[in-house]
Amino acid sequence: MNEGDGEANLAYYALHELHILPHELMALSVRERAAIYAMIAVRVDKEKRERSRGKGRKR
């Protein structure tokens, strides 16, 4: 999620990982979308930490 339009990247994640269709996401209020985006950020950070921990164990 480091490149391009941030909201588009979040919508892509919502579609592929959470199975939220783009029209469903856009139908949400700004607050609801903000909550979804914040939850995605928490999940992505957790996944990054888990990946970095896994790399340390393989050595």
PDB file of N, CA and C in Angstrom:
ATOM      1  N   MET A   1       0.813  -1.197   0.000  1.00  0.00           N
ATOM      2  CA  MET A   1       0.000   0.000   0.000  1.00  0.00           C
ATOM      3  C   MET A   1       0.856   1.261   0.000  1.00  0.00           C
ATOM      4  N   ASN A   2       2.031   1.180  -0.524  1.00  0.00           N
ATOM      5  CA  ASN A   2       2.911   2.335  -0.492  1.00  0.00           C
ATOM      6  C   ASN A   2       2.812   3.223  -1.713  1.00  0.00           C
ATOM      7  N   GLU A   3       2.216   2.761  -2.793  1.00  0.00           N
ATOM      8  CA  GLU A   3       2.212   3.520  -4.031  1.00  0.00           C
ATOM      9  C   GLU A   3       0.806   3.931  -4.425  1.00  0.00           C
ATOM     10  N   GLY A   4       0.728   4.994  -5.222  1.00  0.00           N
ATOM     11  CA  GLY A   4      -0.531   5.398  -5.833  1.00  0.00           C
ATOM     12  C   GLY A   4      -1.501   6.051  -4.878  1.00  0.00           C
ATOM     13  N   ASP A   5      -2.755   6.009  -5.281  1.00  0.00           N
ATOM     14  CA  ASP A   5      -3.847   6.614  -4.529  1.00  0.00           C
ATOM     15  C   ASP A   5      -4.147   5.775  -3.291  1.00  0.00           C
ATOM     16  N   GLY A   6      -4.025   6.385  -2.132  1.00  0.00           N
ATOM     17  CA  GLY A   6      -4.232   5.663  -0.875  1.00  0.00           C
ATOM     18  C   GLY A   6      -5.617   5.063  -0.748  1.00  0.00           C
ATOM     19  N   GLU A   7      -6.634   5.827  -1.104  1.00  0.00           N
ATOM     20  CA  GLU A   7      -7.995   5.314  -0.971  1.00  0.00           C
ATOM     21  C   GLU A   7      -8.237   4.159  -1.941  1.00  0.00           C
ATOM     22  N   ALA A   8      -7.654   4.227  -3.116  1.00  0.00           N
ATOM     23  CA  ALA A   8      -7.800   3.126  -4.074  1.00  0.00           C
ATOM     24  C   ALA A   8      -7.126   1.866  -3.538  1.00  0.00           C
ATOM     25  N   ASN A   9      -5.971   2.016  -2.914  1.00  0.00           N
ATOM     26  CA  ASN A   9      -5.283   0.860  -2.323  1.00  0.00           C
ATOM     27  C   ASN A   9      -6.105   0.246  -1.207  1.00  0.00           C
ATOM     28  N   LEU A  10      -6.716   1.084  -0.391  1.00  0.00           N
ATOM     29  CA  LEU A  10      -7.560   0.583   0.693  1.00  0.00           C
ATOM     30  C   LEU A  10      -8.800  -0.113   0.139  1.00  0.00           C
ATOM     31  N   ALA A  11      -9.377   0.447  -0.925  1.00  0.00           N
ATOM     32  CA  ALA A  11     -10.545  -0.182  -1.553  1.00  0.00           C
ATOM     33  C   ALA A  11     -10.155  -1.531  -2.151  1.00  0.00           C
ATOM     34  N   TYR A  12      -8.968  -1.618  -2.733  1.00  0.00           N
ATOM     35  CA  TYR A  12      -8.470  -2.882  -3.286  1.00  0.00           C
ATOM     36  C   TYR A  12      -8.350  -3.926  -2.177  1.00  0.00           C
ATOM     37  N   TYR A  13      -7.781  -3.526  -1.046  1.00  0.00           N
ATOM     38  CA  TYR A  13      -7.639  -4.435   0.087  1.00  0.00           C
ATOM     39  C   TYR A  13      -9.020  -4.862   0.590  1.00  0.00           C
ATOM     40  N   ALA A  14      -9.934  -3.902   0.701  1.00  0.00           N
ATOM     41  CA  ALA A  14     -11.285  -4.218   1.169  1.00  0.00           C
ATOM     42  C   ALA A  14     -11.956  -5.232   0.247  1.00  0.00           C
ATOM     43  N   LEU A  15     -11.757  -5.079  -1.043  1.00  0.00           N
ATOM     44  CA  LEU A  15     -12.354  -5.999  -1.999  1.00  0.00           C
ATOM     45  C   LEU A  15     -11.751  -7.390  -1.885  1.00  0.00           C
ATOM     46  N   HIS A  16     -10.441  -7.473  -1.924  1.00  0.00           N
ATOM     47  CA  HIS A  16      -9.789  -8.778  -2.007  1.00  0.00           C
ATOM     48  C   HIS A  16      -9.662  -9.511  -0.677  1.00  0.00           C
ATOM     49  N   GLU A  17      -9.502  -8.791   0.386  1.00  0.00           N
ATOM     50  CA  GLU A  17      -9.315  -9.446   1.680  1.00  0.00           C
ATOM     51  C   GLU A  17     -10.589  -9.492   2.520  1.00  0.00           C
ATOM     52  N   LEU A  18     -11.423  -8.474   2.400  1.00  0.00           N
ATOM     53  CA  LEU A  18     -12.628  -8.402   3.230  1.00  0.00           C
ATOM     54  C   LEU A  18     -13.908  -8.665   2.441  1.00  0.00           C
ATOM     55  N   HIS A  19     -13.776  -8.794   1.119  1.00  0.00           N
ATOM     56  CA  HIS A  19     -14.900  -9.078   0.236  1.00  0.00           C
ATOM     57  C   HIS A  19     -15.985  -8.003   0.318  1.00  0.00           C
ATOM     58  N   ILE A  20     -15.544  -6.758   0.414  1.00  0.00           N
ATOM     59  CA  ILE A  20     -16.456  -5.615   0.388  1.00  0.00           C
ATOM     60  C   ILE A  20     -16.373  -5.029  -1.020  1.00  0.00           C
ATOM     61  N   LEU A  21     -17.463  -5.077  -1.760  1.00  0.00           N
ATOM     62  CA  LEU A  21     -17.479  -4.571  -3.122  1.00  0.00           C
ATOM     63  C   LEU A  21     -17.311  -3.056  -3.140  1.00  0.00           C
ATOM     64  N   PRO A  22     -16.706  -2.516  -4.190  1.00  0.00           N
ATOM     65  CA  PRO A  22     -16.473  -1.068  -4.252  1.00  0.00           C
ATOM     66  C   PRO A  22     -17.738  -0.235  -4.077  1.00  0.00           C
ATOM     67  N   HIS A  23     -18.842  -0.649  -4.705  1.00  0.00           N
ATOM     68  CA  HIS A  23     -20.067   0.142  -4.555  1.00  0.00           C
ATOM     69  C   HIS A  23     -20.598   0.072  -3.115  1.00  0.00           C
ATOM     70  N   GLU A  24     -20.364  -1.033  -2.439  1.00  0.00           N
ATOM     71  CA  GLU A  24     -20.770  -1.148  -1.036  1.00  0.00           C
ATOM     72  C   GLU A  24     -19.914  -0.232  -0.174  1.00  0.00           C
ATOM     73  N   LEU A  25     -18.619  -0.196  -0.468  1.00  0.00           N
ATOM     74  CA  LEU A  25     -17.708   0.650   0.292  1.00  0.00           C
ATOM     75  C   LEU A  25     -18.061   2.124   0.117  1.00  0.00           C
ATOM     76  N   MET A  26     -18.347   2.525  -1.115  1.00  0.00           N
ATOM     77  CA  MET A  26     -18.665   3.926  -1.394  1.00  0.00           C
ATOM     78  C   MET A  26     -20.033   4.326  -0.862  1.00  0.00           C
ATOM     79  N   ALA A  27     -20.907   3.346  -0.633  1.00  0.00           N
ATOM     80  CA  ALA A  27     -22.230   3.633  -0.089  1.00  0.00           C
ATOM     81  C   ALA A  27     -22.171   3.929   1.409  1.00  0.00           C
ATOM     82  N   LEU A  28     -21.077   3.560   2.050  1.00  0.00           N
ATOM     83  CA  LEU A  28     -20.921   3.820   3.478  1.00  0.00           C
ATOM     84  C   LEU A  28     -20.708   5.306   3.719  1.00  0.00           C
ATOM     85  N   SER A  29     -21.034   5.740   4.915  1.00  0.00           N
ATOM     86  CA  SER A  29     -20.785   7.142   5.269  1.00  0.00           C
ATOM     87  C   SER A  29     -19.270   7.357   5.397  1.00  0.00           C
ATOM     88  N   VAL A  30     -18.872   8.601   5.427  1.00  0.00           N
ATOM     89  CA  VAL A  30     -17.450   8.927   5.565  1.00  0.00           C
ATOM     90  C   VAL A  30     -16.891   8.325   6.854  1.00  0.00           C
ATOM     91  N   ARG A  31     -17.648   8.394   7.917  1.00  0.00           N
ATOM     92  CA  ARG A  31     -17.194   7.826   9.198  1.00  0.00           C
ATOM     93  C   ARG A  31     -17.044   6.313   9.134  1.00  0.00           C
ATOM     94  N   GLU A  32     -17.996   5.650   8.484  1.00  0.00           N
ATOM     95  CA  GLU A  32     -17.921   4.192   8.362  1.00  0.00           C
ATOM     96  C   GLU A  32     -16.710   3.784   7.517  1.00  0.00           C
ATOM     97  N   ARG A  33     -16.483   4.497   6.402  1.00  0.00           N
ATOM     98  CA  ARG A  33     -15.304   4.204   5.572  1.00  0.00           C
ATOM     99  C   ARG A  33     -14.027   4.460   6.346  1.00  0.00           C
ATOM    100  N   ALA A  34     -13.994   5.543   7.116  1.00  0.00           N
ATOM    101  CA  ALA A  34     -12.809   5.844   7.920  1.00  0.00           C
ATOM    102  C   ALA A  34     -12.541   4.723   8.922  1.00  0.00           C
ATOM    103  N   ALA A  35     -13.589   4.189   9.513  1.00  0.00           N
ATOM    104  CA  ALA A  35     -13.426   3.084  10.467  1.00  0.00           C
ATOM    105  C   ALA A  35     -12.889   1.846   9.759  1.00  0.00           C
ATOM    106  N   ILE A  36     -13.435   1.532   8.592  1.00  0.00           N
ATOM    107  CA  ILE A  36     -12.952   0.379   7.813  1.00  0.00           C
ATOM    108  C   ILE A  36     -11.482   0.579   7.467  1.00  0.00           C
ATOM    109  N   TYR A  37     -11.115   1.783   7.004  1.00  0.00           N
ATOM    110  CA  TYR A  37      -9.731   2.067   6.617  1.00  0.00           C
ATOM    111  C   TYR A  37      -8.792   1.965   7.815  1.00  0.00           C
ATOM    112  N   ALA A  38      -9.243   2.420   8.965  1.00  0.00           N
ATOM    113  CA  ALA A  38      -8.421   2.309  10.169  1.00  0.00           C
ATOM    114  C   ALA A  38      -8.224   0.851  10.562  1.00  0.00           C
ATOM    115  N   MET A  39      -9.265   0.057  10.439  1.00  0.00           N
ATOM    116  CA  MET A  39      -9.156  -1.367  10.759  1.00  0.00           C
ATOM    117  C   MET A  39      -8.231  -2.079   9.775  1.00  0.00           C
ATOM    118  N   ILE A  40      -8.278  -1.679   8.506  1.00  0.00           N
ATOM    119  CA  ILE A  40      -7.365  -2.241   7.511  1.00  0.00           C
ATOM    120  C   ILE A  40      -5.935  -1.905   7.881  1.00  0.00           C
ATOM    121  N   ALA A  41      -5.690  -0.664   8.282  1.00  0.00           N
ATOM    122  CA  ALA A  41      -4.336  -0.249   8.661  1.00  0.00           C
ATOM    123  C   ALA A  41      -3.819  -1.069   9.830  1.00  0.00           C
ATOM    124  N   VAL A  42      -4.663  -1.324  10.816  1.00  0.00           N
ATOM    125  CA  VAL A  42      -4.263  -2.140  11.964  1.00  0.00           C
ATOM    126  C   VAL A  42      -3.933  -3.552  11.506  1.00  0.00           C
ATOM    127  N   ARG A  43      -4.760  -4.109  10.642  1.00  0.00           N
ATOM    128  CA  ARG A  43      -4.538  -5.475  10.155  1.00  0.00           C
ATOM    129  C   ARG A  43      -3.255  -5.574   9.330  1.00  0.00           C
ATOM    130  N   VAL A  44      -3.008  -4.590   8.474  1.00  0.00           N
ATOM    131  CA  VAL A  44      -1.796  -4.595   7.648  1.00  0.00           C
ATOM    132  C   VAL A  44      -0.556  -4.480   8.533  1.00  0.00           C
ATOM    133  N   ASP A  45      -0.607  -3.613   9.536  1.00  0.00           N
ATOM    134  CA  ASP A  45       0.529  -3.482  10.465  1.00  0.00           C
ATOM    135  C   ASP A  45       0.792  -4.799  11.189  1.00  0.00           C
ATOM    136  N   LYS A  46      -0.272  -5.466  11.615  1.00  0.00           N
ATOM    137  CA  LYS A  46      -0.124  -6.753  12.292  1.00  0.00           C
ATOM    138  C   LYS A  46       0.492  -7.788  11.361  1.00  0.00           C
ATOM    139  N   GLU A  47       0.026  -7.830  10.105  1.00  0.00           N
ATOM    140  CA  GLU A  47       0.574  -8.774   9.132  1.00  0.00           C
ATOM    141  C   GLU A  47       2.051  -8.500   8.872  1.00  0.00           C
ATOM    142  N   LYS A  48       2.435  -7.225   8.801  1.00  0.00           N
ATOM    143  CA  LYS A  48       3.847  -6.869   8.600  1.00  0.00           C
ATOM    144  C   LYS A  48       4.696  -7.338   9.769  1.00  0.00           C
ATOM    145  N   ARG A  49       4.205  -7.121  11.001  1.00  0.00           N
ATOM    146  CA  ARG A  49       4.946  -7.564  12.177  1.00  0.00           C
ATOM    147  C   ARG A  49       5.111  -9.079  12.184  1.00  0.00           C
ATOM    148  N   GLU A  50       4.043  -9.797  11.829  1.00  0.00           N
ATOM    149  CA  GLU A  50       4.111 -11.263  11.798  1.00  0.00           C
ATOM    150  C   GLU A  50       5.101 -11.742  10.736  1.00  0.00           C
ATOM    151  N   ARG A  51       5.122 -11.084   9.588  1.00  0.00           N
ATOM    152  CA  ARG A  51       6.076 -11.457   8.536  1.00  0.00           C
ATOM    153  C   ARG A  51       7.503 -11.199   8.980  1.00  0.00           C
ATOM    154  N   SER A  52       7.730 -10.065   9.653  1.00  0.00           N
ATOM    155  CA  SER A  52       9.096  -9.751  10.088  1.00  0.00           C
ATOM    156  C   SER A  52       9.544 -10.715  11.189  1.00  0.00           C
ATOM    157  N   ARG A  53       8.650 -11.142  12.032  1.00  0.00           N
ATOM    158  CA  ARG A  53       8.985 -12.142  13.059  1.00  0.00           C
ATOM    159  C   ARG A  53       9.324 -13.474  12.416  1.00  0.00           C
ATOM    160  N   GLY A  54       8.581 -13.830  11.383  1.00  0.00           N
ATOM    161  CA  GLY A  54       8.824 -15.090  10.680  1.00  0.00           C
ATOM    162  C   GLY A  54      10.162 -15.099   9.983  1.00  0.00           C
ATOM    163  N   LYS A  55      10.596 -13.973   9.460  1.00  0.00           N
ATOM    164  CA  LYS A  55      11.892 -13.886   8.796  1.00  0.00           C
ATOM    165  C   LYS A  55      13.023 -14.094   9.780  1.00  0.00           C
ATOM    166  N   GLY A  56      12.862 -13.588  10.995  1.00  0.00           N
ATOM    167  CA  GLY A  56      13.901 -13.746  12.001  1.00  0.00           C
ATOM    168  C   GLY A  56      14.063 -15.181  12.448  1.00  0.00           C
ATOM    169  N   ARG A  57      13.015 -15.938  12.430  1.00  0.00           N
ATOM    170  CA  ARG A  57      13.059 -17.344  12.875  1.00  0.00           C
ATOM    171  C   ARG A  57      13.680 -18.262  11.830  1.00  0.00           C
ATOM    172  N   LYS A  58      13.631 -17.877  10.569  1.00  0.00           N
ATOM    173  CA  LYS A  58      14.148 -18.736   9.512  1.00  0.00           C
ATOM    174  C   LYS A  58      15.667 -18.772   9.473  1.00  0.00           C
ATOM    175  N   ARG A  59      16.306 -17.841  10.099  1.00  0.00           N
ATOM    176  CA  ARG A  59      17.765 -17.760  10.047  1.00  0.00           C
ATOM    177  C   ARG A  59      18.421 -18.800  10.851  1.00  0.00           C
TER     178      ARG A  59
END
